[in-house]
Amino acid sequence: MRWLTENAVLVCAHELGIISNIATQNFVRIKGRRVLVARDPENKTITGCPNTGPSIKPCTTTLKVTRGYSSLLRINGHRVCLSNVTGLTDGTPPGTVTYKVRSAGQMLVSEI
């Protein structure tokens, strides 16, 4: 699994909803871009989700990560985000729409 940087592209399950990335740590960078750590992908804005219609709520916010934090590597006590990060969004139907990583934002560093 590759480490995620602030250049990573995360999307909702509808593929067009792009998640904003904001790195909370400044200690570790890959090619000048900050590495994402635990909770960075959570509660982030999703823009462009096409899932709209009567009584349908598009994905607008990420919820808690359910998988994808390193169990081995930490930065300042926070687990590193890996390229298998996934979790739920606030889109409808509730509790079913996920988000995922399309691109890790770098191709150099991975966890074996």
PDB file of N, CA and C in Angstrom:
ATOM      1  N   MET A   1       0.827  -1.177   0.000  1.00  0.00           N
ATOM      2  CA  MET A   1       0.000   0.000   0.000  1.00  0.00           C
ATOM      3  C   MET A   1       0.878   1.249   0.000  1.00  0.00           C
ATOM      4  N   ARG A   2       0.565   2.167  -0.869  1.00  0.00           N
ATOM      5  CA  ARG A   2       1.304   3.431  -0.934  1.00  0.00           C
ATOM      6  C   ARG A   2       0.822   4.401   0.146  1.00  0.00           C
ATOM      7  N   TRP A   3       1.729   5.254   0.592  1.00  0.00           N
ATOM      8  CA  TRP A   3       1.370   6.311   1.533  1.00  0.00           C
ATOM      9  C   TRP A   3       0.610   7.384   0.770  1.00  0.00           C
ATOM     10  N   LEU A   4      -0.355   8.019   1.414  1.00  0.00           N
ATOM     11  CA  LEU A   4      -1.087   9.114   0.785  1.00  0.00           C
ATOM     12  C   LEU A   4      -0.416  10.443   1.108  1.00  0.00           C
ATOM     13  N   THR A   5      -0.382  11.320   0.116  1.00  0.00           N
ATOM     14  CA  THR A   5       0.083  12.685   0.331  1.00  0.00           C
ATOM     15  C   THR A   5      -1.084  13.631   0.085  1.00  0.00           C
ATOM     16  N   GLU A   6      -0.842  14.907   0.333  1.00  0.00           N
ATOM     17  CA  GLU A   6      -1.891  15.891   0.102  1.00  0.00           C
ATOM     18  C   GLU A   6      -2.255  15.996  -1.376  1.00  0.00           C
ATOM     19  N   ASN A   7      -1.486  15.381  -2.259  1.00  0.00           N
ATOM     20  CA  ASN A   7      -1.816  15.318  -3.687  1.00  0.00           C
ATOM     21  C   ASN A   7      -2.722  14.136  -4.027  1.00  0.00           C
ATOM     22  N   ALA A   8      -3.033  13.305  -3.041  1.00  0.00           N
ATOM     23  CA  ALA A   8      -3.872  12.129  -3.280  1.00  0.00           C
ATOM     24  C   ALA A   8      -5.237  12.558  -3.811  1.00  0.00           C
ATOM     25  N   VAL A   9      -5.829  11.691  -4.635  1.00  0.00           N
ATOM     26  CA  VAL A   9      -7.180  11.937  -5.138  1.00  0.00           C
ATOM     27  C   VAL A   9      -8.095  10.896  -4.508  1.00  0.00           C
ATOM     28  N   LEU A  10      -9.005  11.372  -3.683  1.00  0.00           N
ATOM     29  CA  LEU A  10     -10.020  10.519  -3.071  1.00  0.00           C
ATOM     30  C   LEU A  10     -11.365  10.910  -3.662  1.00  0.00           C
ATOM     31  N   VAL A  11     -12.211   9.906  -3.941  1.00  0.00           N
ATOM     32  CA  VAL A  11     -13.499  10.149  -4.591  1.00  0.00           C
ATOM     33  C   VAL A  11     -14.606   9.379  -3.880  1.00  0.00           C
ATOM     34  N   CYS A  12     -15.832   9.873  -4.029  1.00  0.00           N
ATOM     35  CA  CYS A  12     -16.977   9.116  -3.521  1.00  0.00           C
ATOM     36  C   CYS A  12     -17.248   7.975  -4.502  1.00  0.00           C
ATOM     37  N   ALA A  13     -18.105   7.057  -4.117  1.00  0.00           N
ATOM     38  CA  ALA A  13     -18.405   5.882  -4.941  1.00  0.00           C
ATOM     39  C   ALA A  13     -19.015   6.254  -6.286  1.00  0.00           C
ATOM     40  N   HIS A  14     -19.510   7.464  -6.417  1.00  0.00           N
ATOM     41  CA  HIS A  14     -20.087   7.909  -7.692  1.00  0.00           C
ATOM     42  C   HIS A  14     -19.019   8.414  -8.657  1.00  0.00           C
ATOM     43  N   GLU A  15     -17.751   8.330  -8.241  1.00  0.00           N
ATOM     44  CA  GLU A  15     -16.541   8.606  -9.018  1.00  0.00           C
ATOM     45  C   GLU A  15     -16.283  10.074  -9.355  1.00  0.00           C
ATOM     46  N   LEU A  16     -17.296  10.923  -9.393  1.00  0.00           N
ATOM     47  CA  LEU A  16     -17.069  12.322  -9.769  1.00  0.00           C
ATOM     48  C   LEU A  16     -16.949  13.243  -8.564  1.00  0.00           C
ATOM     49  N   GLY A  17     -17.335  12.770  -7.391  1.00  0.00           N
ATOM     50  CA  GLY A  17     -17.220  13.573  -6.180  1.00  0.00           C
ATOM     51  C   GLY A  17     -15.791  13.555  -5.662  1.00  0.00           C
ATOM     52  N   ILE A  18     -15.126  14.689  -5.707  1.00  0.00           N
ATOM     53  CA  ILE A  18     -13.721  14.810  -5.294  1.00  0.00           C
ATOM     54  C   ILE A  18     -13.648  15.319  -3.855  1.00  0.00           C
ATOM     55  N   ILE A  19     -12.798  14.684  -3.059  1.00  0.00           N
ATOM     56  CA  ILE A  19     -12.643  15.008  -1.648  1.00  0.00           C
ATOM     57  C   ILE A  19     -11.450  15.944  -1.458  1.00  0.00           C
ATOM     58  N   SER A  20     -11.646  16.994  -0.685  1.00  0.00           N
ATOM     59  CA  SER A  20     -10.550  17.929  -0.410  1.00  0.00           C
ATOM     60  C   SER A  20      -9.589  17.303   0.597  1.00  0.00           C
ATOM     61  N   ASN A  21      -8.309  17.507   0.377  1.00  0.00           N
ATOM     62  CA  ASN A  21      -7.273  16.978   1.278  1.00  0.00           C
ATOM     63  C   ASN A  21      -6.610  18.115   2.022  1.00  0.00           C
ATOM     64  N   ILE A  22      -6.500  17.951   3.330  1.00  0.00           N
ATOM     65  CA  ILE A  22      -5.761  18.908   4.148  1.00  0.00           C
ATOM     66  C   ILE A  22      -4.898  18.096   5.103  1.00  0.00           C
ATOM     67  N   ALA A  23      -3.591  18.179   4.928  1.00  0.00           N
ATOM     68  CA  ALA A  23      -2.663  17.449   5.800  1.00  0.00           C
ATOM     69  C   ALA A  23      -2.524  18.197   7.124  1.00  0.00           C
ATOM     70  N   THR A  24      -2.516  17.438   8.220  1.00  0.00           N
ATOM     71  CA  THR A  24      -2.419  18.069   9.539  1.00  0.00           C
ATOM     72  C   THR A  24      -1.025  17.977  10.154  1.00  0.00           C
ATOM     73  N   GLN A  25      -0.112  17.302   9.479  1.00  0.00           N
ATOM     74  CA  GLN A  25       1.245  17.211  10.010  1.00  0.00           C
ATOM     75  C   GLN A  25       2.211  17.852   9.028  1.00  0.00           C
ATOM     76  N   ASN A  26       3.330  18.362   9.549  1.00  0.00           N
ATOM     77  CA  ASN A  26       4.335  19.033   8.722  1.00  0.00           C
ATOM     78  C   ASN A  26       5.703  18.393   8.810  1.00  0.00           C
ATOM     79  N   PHE A  27       5.806  17.247   9.489  1.00  0.00           N
ATOM     80  CA  PHE A  27       7.106  16.621   9.724  1.00  0.00           C
ATOM     81  C   PHE A  27       7.624  15.835   8.525  1.00  0.00           C
ATOM     82  N   VAL A  28       6.743  15.099   7.841  1.00  0.00           N
ATOM     83  CA  VAL A  28       7.176  14.183   6.791  1.00  0.00           C
ATOM     84  C   VAL A  28       6.542  14.583   5.466  1.00  0.00           C
ATOM     85  N   ARG A  29       7.420  14.656   4.445  1.00  0.00           N
ATOM     86  CA  ARG A  29       6.972  15.005   3.097  1.00  0.00           C
ATOM     87  C   ARG A  29       7.563  14.019   2.098  1.00  0.00           C
ATOM     88  N   ILE A  30       6.868  13.831   1.011  1.00  0.00           N
ATOM     89  CA  ILE A  30       7.359  13.033  -0.112  1.00  0.00           C
ATOM     90  C   ILE A  30       7.323  13.945  -1.326  1.00  0.00           C
ATOM     91  N   LYS A  31       8.494  14.201  -1.897  1.00  0.00           N
ATOM     92  CA  LYS A  31       8.625  15.135  -3.017  1.00  0.00           C
ATOM     93  C   LYS A  31       7.978  16.485  -2.698  1.00  0.00           C
ATOM     94  N   GLY A  32       8.172  16.931  -1.458  1.00  0.00           N
ATOM     95  CA  GLY A  32       7.675  18.236  -1.045  1.00  0.00           C
ATOM     96  C   GLY A  32       6.225  18.271  -0.607  1.00  0.00           C
ATOM     97  N   ARG A  33       5.505  17.175  -0.737  1.00  0.00           N
ATOM     98  CA  ARG A  33       4.085  17.134  -0.376  1.00  0.00           C
ATOM     99  C   ARG A  33       3.906  16.423   0.958  1.00  0.00           C
ATOM    100  N   ARG A  34       3.114  16.996   1.849  1.00  0.00           N
ATOM    101  CA  ARG A  34       2.913  16.433   3.180  1.00  0.00           C
ATOM    102  C   ARG A  34       2.157  15.106   3.125  1.00  0.00           C
ATOM    103  N   VAL A  35       2.559  14.175   3.978  1.00  0.00           N
ATOM    104  CA  VAL A  35       1.913  12.866   4.091  1.00  0.00           C
ATOM    105  C   VAL A  35       0.642  13.015   4.933  1.00  0.00           C
ATOM    106  N   LEU A  36      -0.427  12.332   4.515  1.00  0.00           N
ATOM    107  CA  LEU A  36      -1.672  12.336   5.271  1.00  0.00           C
ATOM    108  C   LEU A  36      -1.597  11.325   6.407  1.00  0.00           C
ATOM    109  N   VAL A  37      -2.165  11.675   7.535  1.00  0.00           N
ATOM    110  CA  VAL A  37      -2.183  10.795   8.701  1.00  0.00           C
ATOM    111  C   VAL A  37      -3.625  10.612   9.179  1.00  0.00           C
ATOM    112  N   ALA A  38      -3.783   9.740  10.169  1.00  0.00           N
ATOM    113  CA  ALA A  38      -5.111   9.406  10.693  1.00  0.00           C
ATOM    114  C   ALA A  38      -5.952  10.651  10.948  1.00  0.00           C
ATOM    115  N   ARG A  39      -7.176  10.563  10.542  1.00  0.00           N
ATOM    116  CA  ARG A  39      -8.234  11.564  10.645  1.00  0.00           C
ATOM    117  C   ARG A  39      -8.149  12.647   9.582  1.00  0.00           C
ATOM    118  N   ASP A  40      -7.058  12.714   8.794  1.00  0.00           N
ATOM    119  CA  ASP A  40      -7.007  13.705   7.718  1.00  0.00           C
ATOM    120  C   ASP A  40      -8.129  13.497   6.688  1.00  0.00           C
ATOM    121  N   PRO A  41      -8.484  12.255   6.312  1.00  0.00           N
ATOM    122  CA  PRO A  41      -9.557  12.092   5.320  1.00  0.00           C
ATOM    123  C   PRO A  41     -10.974  12.236   5.895  1.00  0.00           C
ATOM    124  N   GLU A  42     -11.112  12.369   7.185  1.00  0.00           N
ATOM    125  CA  GLU A  42     -12.429  12.397   7.813  1.00  0.00           C
ATOM    126  C   GLU A  42     -12.989  13.816   7.893  1.00  0.00           C
ATOM    127  N   ASN A  43     -14.313  13.925   7.741  1.00  0.00           N
ATOM    128  CA  ASN A  43     -15.025  15.207   7.806  1.00  0.00           C
ATOM    129  C   ASN A  43     -14.513  16.214   6.781  1.00  0.00           C
ATOM    130  N   LYS A  44     -14.214  15.730   5.594  1.00  0.00           N
ATOM    131  CA  LYS A  44     -13.738  16.595   4.511  1.00  0.00           C
ATOM    132  C   LYS A  44     -14.861  16.830   3.501  1.00  0.00           C
ATOM    133  N   THR A  45     -14.790  17.943   2.818  1.00  0.00           N
ATOM    134  CA  THR A  45     -15.786  18.329   1.831  1.00  0.00           C
ATOM    135  C   THR A  45     -15.638  17.511   0.559  1.00  0.00           C
ATOM    136  N   ILE A  46     -16.778  17.101   0.010  1.00  0.00           N
ATOM    137  CA  ILE A  46     -16.828  16.407  -1.279  1.00  0.00           C
ATOM    138  C   ILE A  46     -17.547  17.337  -2.247  1.00  0.00           C
ATOM    139  N   THR A  47     -16.902  17.635  -3.373  1.00  0.00           N
ATOM    140  CA  THR A  47     -17.537  18.486  -4.384  1.00  0.00           C
ATOM    141  C   THR A  47     -17.717  17.711  -5.676  1.00  0.00           C
ATOM    142  N   GLY A  48     -18.819  17.985  -6.364  1.00  0.00           N
ATOM    143  CA  GLY A  48     -19.051  17.405  -7.678  1.00  0.00           C
ATOM    144  C   GLY A  48     -19.754  16.071  -7.711  1.00  0.00           C
ATOM    145  N   CYS A  49     -20.303  15.599  -6.593  1.00  0.00           N
ATOM    146  CA  CYS A  49     -21.005  14.318  -6.599  1.00  0.00           C
ATOM    147  C   CYS A  49     -22.259  14.441  -7.466  1.00  0.00           C
ATOM    148  N   PRO A  50     -22.407  13.545  -8.454  1.00  0.00           N
ATOM    149  CA  PRO A  50     -23.556  13.628  -9.366  1.00  0.00           C
ATOM    150  C   PRO A  50     -24.821  12.953  -8.842  1.00  0.00           C
ATOM    151  N   ASN A  51     -24.779  12.385  -7.658  1.00  0.00           N
ATOM    152  CA  ASN A  51     -25.910  11.632  -7.113  1.00  0.00           C
ATOM    153  C   ASN A  51     -26.978  12.605  -6.603  1.00  0.00           C
ATOM    154  N   THR A  52     -27.813  13.107  -7.507  1.00  0.00           N
ATOM    155  CA  THR A  52     -28.839  14.078  -7.138  1.00  0.00           C
ATOM    156  C   THR A  52     -30.194  13.657  -7.681  1.00  0.00           C
ATOM    157  N   GLY A  53     -31.222  14.217  -7.119  1.00  0.00           N
ATOM    158  CA  GLY A  53     -32.585  13.942  -7.556  1.00  0.00           C
ATOM    159  C   GLY A  53     -33.541  14.120  -6.402  1.00  0.00           C
ATOM    160  N   PRO A  54     -34.840  13.906  -6.672  1.00  0.00           N
ATOM    161  CA  PRO A  54     -35.827  14.027  -5.597  1.00  0.00           C
ATOM    162  C   PRO A  54     -35.521  13.044  -4.465  1.00  0.00           C
ATOM    163  N   SER A  55     -35.464  13.527  -3.278  1.00  0.00           N
ATOM    164  CA  SER A  55     -35.172  12.774  -2.046  1.00  0.00           C
ATOM    165  C   SER A  55     -33.832  12.041  -2.072  1.00  0.00           C
ATOM    166  N   ILE A  56     -32.910  12.498  -2.918  1.00  0.00           N
ATOM    167  CA  ILE A  56     -31.556  11.926  -2.968  1.00  0.00           C
ATOM    168  C   ILE A  56     -30.572  13.002  -2.557  1.00  0.00           C
ATOM    169  N   LYS A  57     -29.750  12.693  -1.573  1.00  0.00           N
ATOM    170  CA  LYS A  57     -28.735  13.632  -1.102  1.00  0.00           C
ATOM    171  C   LYS A  57     -27.392  13.258  -1.703  1.00  0.00           C
ATOM    172  N   PRO A  58     -26.745  14.176  -2.416  1.00  0.00           N
ATOM    173  CA  PRO A  58     -25.409  13.878  -2.929  1.00  0.00           C
ATOM    174  C   PRO A  58     -24.397  13.786  -1.799  1.00  0.00           C
ATOM    175  N   CYS A  59     -23.274  13.166  -2.072  1.00  0.00           N
ATOM    176  CA  CYS A  59     -22.184  13.084  -1.095  1.00  0.00           C
ATOM    177  C   CYS A  59     -21.568  14.471  -0.944  1.00  0.00           C
ATOM    178  N   THR A  60     -21.521  14.984   0.268  1.00  0.00           N
ATOM    179  CA  THR A  60     -20.922  16.300   0.511  1.00  0.00           C
ATOM    180  C   THR A  60     -19.841  16.273   1.588  1.00  0.00           C
ATOM    181  N   THR A  61     -19.813  15.193   2.405  1.00  0.00           N
ATOM    182  CA  THR A  61     -18.848  15.108   3.501  1.00  0.00           C
ATOM    183  C   THR A  61     -18.413  13.664   3.713  1.00  0.00           C
ATOM    184  N   THR A  62     -17.128  13.477   4.013  1.00  0.00           N
ATOM    185  CA  THR A  62     -16.647  12.139   4.369  1.00  0.00           C
ATOM    186  C   THR A  62     -16.911  11.890   5.839  1.00  0.00           C
ATOM    187  N   LEU A  63     -17.149  10.645   6.173  1.00  0.00           N
ATOM    188  CA  LEU A  63     -17.327  10.245   7.561  1.00  0.00           C
ATOM    189  C   LEU A  63     -16.075   9.498   8.011  1.00  0.00           C
ATOM    190  N   LYS A  64     -16.148   8.792   9.104  1.00  0.00           N
ATOM    191  CA  LYS A  64     -14.988   8.102   9.688  1.00  0.00           C
ATOM    192  C   LYS A  64     -14.388   7.065   8.729  1.00  0.00           C
ATOM    193  N   VAL A  65     -13.064   7.013   8.695  1.00  0.00           N
ATOM    194  CA  VAL A  65     -12.351   5.993   7.923  1.00  0.00           C
ATOM    195  C   VAL A  65     -12.615   4.631   8.564  1.00  0.00           C
ATOM    196  N   THR A  66     -12.954   3.645   7.740  1.00  0.00           N
ATOM    197  CA  THR A  66     -13.205   2.293   8.252  1.00  0.00           C
ATOM    198  C   THR A  66     -12.044   1.349   7.987  1.00  0.00           C
ATOM    199  N   ARG A  67     -11.163   1.722   7.053  1.00  0.00           N
ATOM    200  CA  ARG A  67      -9.994   0.904   6.733  1.00  0.00           C
ATOM    201  C   ARG A  67      -8.973   1.783   6.022  1.00  0.00           C
ATOM    202  N   GLY A  68      -7.678   1.478   6.256  1.00  0.00           N
ATOM    203  CA  GLY A  68      -6.644   2.165   5.495  1.00  0.00           C
ATOM    204  C   GLY A  68      -5.626   2.953   6.292  1.00  0.00           C
ATOM    205  N   TYR A  69      -5.693   2.866   7.617  1.00  0.00           N
ATOM    206  CA  TYR A  69      -4.641   3.473   8.429  1.00  0.00           C
ATOM    207  C   TYR A  69      -3.592   2.404   8.720  1.00  0.00           C
ATOM    208  N   SER A  70      -2.321   2.767   8.632  1.00  0.00           N
ATOM    209  CA  SER A  70      -1.239   1.838   8.897  1.00  0.00           C
ATOM    210  C   SER A  70      -1.271   1.361  10.342  1.00  0.00           C
ATOM    211  N   SER A  71      -1.044   0.081  10.527  1.00  0.00           N
ATOM    212  CA  SER A  71      -0.925  -0.440  11.893  1.00  0.00           C
ATOM    213  C   SER A  71       0.540  -0.461  12.330  1.00  0.00           C
ATOM    214  N   LEU A  72       1.455  -0.154  11.399  1.00  0.00           N
ATOM    215  CA  LEU A  72       2.885  -0.185  11.695  1.00  0.00           C
ATOM    216  C   LEU A  72       3.526   1.197  11.809  1.00  0.00           C
ATOM    217  N   LEU A  73       3.116   2.119  10.947  1.00  0.00           N
ATOM    218  CA  LEU A  73       3.827   3.386  10.823  1.00  0.00           C
ATOM    219  C   LEU A  73       3.019   4.559  11.356  1.00  0.00           C
ATOM    220  N   ARG A  74       3.722   5.407  12.108  1.00  0.00           N
ATOM    221  CA  ARG A  74       3.098   6.590  12.692  1.00  0.00           C
ATOM    222  C   ARG A  74       3.998   7.801  12.484  1.00  0.00           C
ATOM    223  N   ILE A  75       3.358   8.949  12.394  1.00  0.00           N
ATOM    224  CA  ILE A  75       4.072  10.221  12.349  1.00  0.00           C
ATOM    225  C   ILE A  75       3.528  11.048  13.510  1.00  0.00           C
ATOM    226  N   ASN A  76       4.414  11.384  14.434  1.00  0.00           N
ATOM    227  CA  ASN A  76       4.025  12.145  15.622  1.00  0.00           C
ATOM    228  C   ASN A  76       2.828  11.502  16.336  1.00  0.00           C
ATOM    229  N   GLY A  77       2.816  10.163  16.383  1.00  0.00           N
ATOM    230  CA  GLY A  77       1.772   9.430  17.080  1.00  0.00           C
ATOM    231  C   GLY A  77       0.524   9.134  16.274  1.00  0.00           C
ATOM    232  N   HIS A  78       0.442   9.646  15.040  1.00  0.00           N
ATOM    233  CA  HIS A  78      -0.736   9.435  14.192  1.00  0.00           C
ATOM    234  C   HIS A  78      -0.416   8.427  13.089  1.00  0.00           C
ATOM    235  N   ARG A  79      -1.306   7.465  12.884  1.00  0.00           N
ATOM    236  CA  ARG A  79      -1.079   6.446  11.862  1.00  0.00           C
ATOM    237  C   ARG A  79      -1.086   7.044  10.461  1.00  0.00           C
ATOM    238  N   VAL A  80      -0.209   6.536   9.598  1.00  0.00           N
ATOM    239  CA  VAL A  80      -0.098   6.994   8.218  1.00  0.00           C
ATOM    240  C   VAL A  80      -1.296   6.478   7.422  1.00  0.00           C
ATOM    241  N   CYS A  81      -1.813   7.301   6.508  1.00  0.00           N
ATOM    242  CA  CYS A  81      -2.904   6.892   5.610  1.00  0.00           C
ATOM    243  C   CYS A  81      -2.317   6.124   4.432  1.00  0.00           C
ATOM    244  N   LEU A  82      -2.950   5.026   4.100  1.00  0.00           N
ATOM    245  CA  LEU A  82      -2.503   4.176   2.998  1.00  0.00           C
ATOM    246  C   LEU A  82      -3.494   4.215   1.843  1.00  0.00           C
ATOM    247  N   SER A  83      -3.060   3.693   0.704  1.00  0.00           N
ATOM    248  CA  SER A  83      -3.865   3.773  -0.522  1.00  0.00           C
ATOM    249  C   SER A  83      -5.125   2.918  -0.512  1.00  0.00           C
ATOM    250  N   ASN A  84      -5.384   2.195   0.562  1.00  0.00           N
ATOM    251  CA  ASN A  84      -6.636   1.452   0.666  1.00  0.00           C
ATOM    252  C   ASN A  84      -7.629   2.135   1.606  1.00  0.00           C
ATOM    253  N   VAL A  85      -7.411   3.429   1.898  1.00  0.00           N
ATOM    254  CA  VAL A  85      -8.325   4.170   2.760  1.00  0.00           C
ATOM    255  C   VAL A  85      -9.736   4.112   2.173  1.00  0.00           C
ATOM    256  N   THR A  86     -10.690   3.839   3.025  1.00  0.00           N
ATOM    257  CA  THR A  86     -12.098   3.863   2.644  1.00  0.00           C
ATOM    258  C   THR A  86     -12.936   4.199   3.862  1.00  0.00           C
ATOM    259  N   GLY A  87     -14.129   4.665   3.621  1.00  0.00           N
ATOM    260  CA  GLY A  87     -15.072   4.998   4.681  1.00  0.00           C
ATOM    261  C   GLY A  87     -16.394   5.360   4.049  1.00  0.00           C
ATOM    262  N   LEU A  88     -17.331   5.808   4.850  1.00  0.00           N
ATOM    263  CA  LEU A  88     -18.650   6.186   4.345  1.00  0.00           C
ATOM    264  C   LEU A  88     -18.731   7.685   4.095  1.00  0.00           C
ATOM    265  N   THR A  89     -19.690   8.083   3.249  1.00  0.00           N
ATOM    266  CA  THR A  89     -20.008   9.491   3.042  1.00  0.00           C
ATOM    267  C   THR A  89     -21.374   9.758   3.649  1.00  0.00           C
ATOM    268  N   ASP A  90     -21.795  11.010   3.596  1.00  0.00           N
ATOM    269  CA  ASP A  90     -23.122  11.374   4.091  1.00  0.00           C
ATOM    270  C   ASP A  90     -24.190  11.297   3.000  1.00  0.00           C
ATOM    271  N   GLY A  91     -23.852  10.734   1.842  1.00  0.00           N
ATOM    272  CA  GLY A  91     -24.815  10.620   0.737  1.00  0.00           C
ATOM    273  C   GLY A  91     -25.877   9.571   0.999  1.00  0.00           C
ATOM    274  N   THR A  92     -26.914   9.584   0.169  1.00  0.00           N
ATOM    275  CA  THR A  92     -27.998   8.599   0.306  1.00  0.00           C
ATOM    276  C   THR A  92     -27.797   7.446  -0.665  1.00  0.00           C
ATOM    277  N   PRO A  93     -28.269   6.258  -0.302  1.00  0.00           N
ATOM    278  CA  PRO A  93     -28.913   5.920   0.960  1.00  0.00           C
ATOM    279  C   PRO A  93     -27.893   5.898   2.101  1.00  0.00           C
ATOM    280  N   PRO A  94     -28.301   6.374   3.286  1.00  0.00           N
ATOM    281  CA  PRO A  94     -27.385   6.475   4.432  1.00  0.00           C
ATOM    282  C   PRO A  94     -26.727   5.130   4.776  1.00  0.00           C
ATOM    283  N   GLY A  95     -25.445   5.209   5.118  1.00  0.00           N
ATOM    284  CA  GLY A  95     -24.726   4.017   5.553  1.00  0.00           C
ATOM    285  C   GLY A  95     -24.314   3.073   4.448  1.00  0.00           C
ATOM    286  N   THR A  96     -24.412   3.500   3.187  1.00  0.00           N
ATOM    287  CA  THR A  96     -24.055   2.603   2.087  1.00  0.00           C
ATOM    288  C   THR A  96     -23.062   3.196   1.100  1.00  0.00           C
ATOM    289  N   VAL A  97     -22.996   4.510   0.989  1.00  0.00           N
ATOM    290  CA  VAL A  97     -22.135   5.146  -0.014  1.00  0.00           C
ATOM    291  C   VAL A  97     -20.740   5.360   0.566  1.00  0.00           C
ATOM    292  N   THR A  98     -19.733   4.843  -0.110  1.00  0.00           N
ATOM    293  CA  THR A  98     -18.362   4.899   0.379  1.00  0.00           C
ATOM    294  C   THR A  98     -17.522   5.909  -0.390  1.00  0.00           C
ATOM    295  N   TYR A  99     -16.331   6.159   0.135  1.00  0.00           N
ATOM    296  CA  TYR A  99     -15.309   6.893  -0.606  1.00  0.00           C
ATOM    297  C   TYR A  99     -14.063   6.026  -0.653  1.00  0.00           C
ATOM    298  N   LYS A 100     -13.171   6.328  -1.603  1.00  0.00           N
ATOM    299  CA  LYS A 100     -11.977   5.514  -1.809  1.00  0.00           C
ATOM    300  C   LYS A 100     -10.866   6.366  -2.410  1.00  0.00           C
ATOM    301  N   VAL A 101      -9.696   5.765  -2.532  1.00  0.00           N
ATOM    302  CA  VAL A 101      -8.536   6.432  -3.110  1.00  0.00           C
ATOM    303  C   VAL A 101      -8.463   6.096  -4.592  1.00  0.00           C
ATOM    304  N   ARG A 102      -8.408   7.115  -5.424  1.00  0.00           N
ATOM    305  CA  ARG A 102      -8.180   6.916  -6.856  1.00  0.00           C
ATOM    306  C   ARG A 102      -6.679   6.952  -7.159  1.00  0.00           C
ATOM    307  N   SER A 103      -5.976   7.848  -6.467  1.00  0.00           N
ATOM    308  CA  SER A 103      -4.527   7.993  -6.659  1.00  0.00           C
ATOM    309  C   SER A 103      -3.908   8.398  -5.315  1.00  0.00           C
ATOM    310  N   ALA A 104      -2.778   7.769  -4.977  1.00  0.00           N
ATOM    311  CA  ALA A 104      -2.118   8.040  -3.697  1.00  0.00           C
ATOM    312  C   ALA A 104      -1.416   9.393  -3.661  1.00  0.00           C
ATOM    313  N   GLY A 105      -1.173   9.985  -4.815  1.00  0.00           N
ATOM    314  CA  GLY A 105      -0.487  11.282  -4.851  1.00  0.00           C
ATOM    315  C   GLY A 105       1.016  11.167  -4.943  1.00  0.00           C
ATOM    316  N   GLN A 106       1.523   9.947  -4.927  1.00  0.00           N
ATOM    317  CA  GLN A 106       2.961   9.701  -5.071  1.00  0.00           C
ATOM    318  C   GLN A 106       3.180   8.223  -5.395  1.00  0.00           C
ATOM    319  N   MET A 107       4.319   7.912  -5.994  1.00  0.00           N
ATOM    320  CA  MET A 107       4.630   6.531  -6.395  1.00  0.00           C
ATOM    321  C   MET A 107       5.925   6.020  -5.786  1.00  0.00           C
ATOM    322  N   LEU A 108       6.470   6.722  -4.789  1.00  0.00           N
ATOM    323  CA  LEU A 108       7.777   6.372  -4.254  1.00  0.00           C
ATOM    324  C   LEU A 108       7.748   5.520  -2.981  1.00  0.00           C
ATOM    325  N   VAL A 109       6.836   5.832  -2.057  1.00  0.00           N
ATOM    326  CA  VAL A 109       6.877   5.248  -0.719  1.00  0.00           C
ATOM    327  C   VAL A 109       5.660   4.351  -0.496  1.00  0.00           C
ATOM    328  N   SER A 110       5.936   3.134  -0.001  1.00  0.00           N
ATOM    329  CA  SER A 110       4.834   2.225   0.305  1.00  0.00           C
ATOM    330  C   SER A 110       5.139   1.431   1.559  1.00  0.00           C
ATOM    331  N   GLU A 111       4.099   0.842   2.115  1.00  0.00           N
ATOM    332  CA  GLU A 111       4.224  -0.038   3.267  1.00  0.00           C
ATOM    333  C   GLU A 111       4.088  -1.462   2.756  1.00  0.00           C
ATOM    334  N   ILE A 112       4.992  -2.306   3.155  1.00  0.00           N
ATOM    335  CA  ILE A 112       4.966  -3.697   2.677  1.00  0.00           C
ATOM    336  C   ILE A 112       4.012  -4.493   3.507  1.00  0.00           C
TER     337      ILE A 112
END
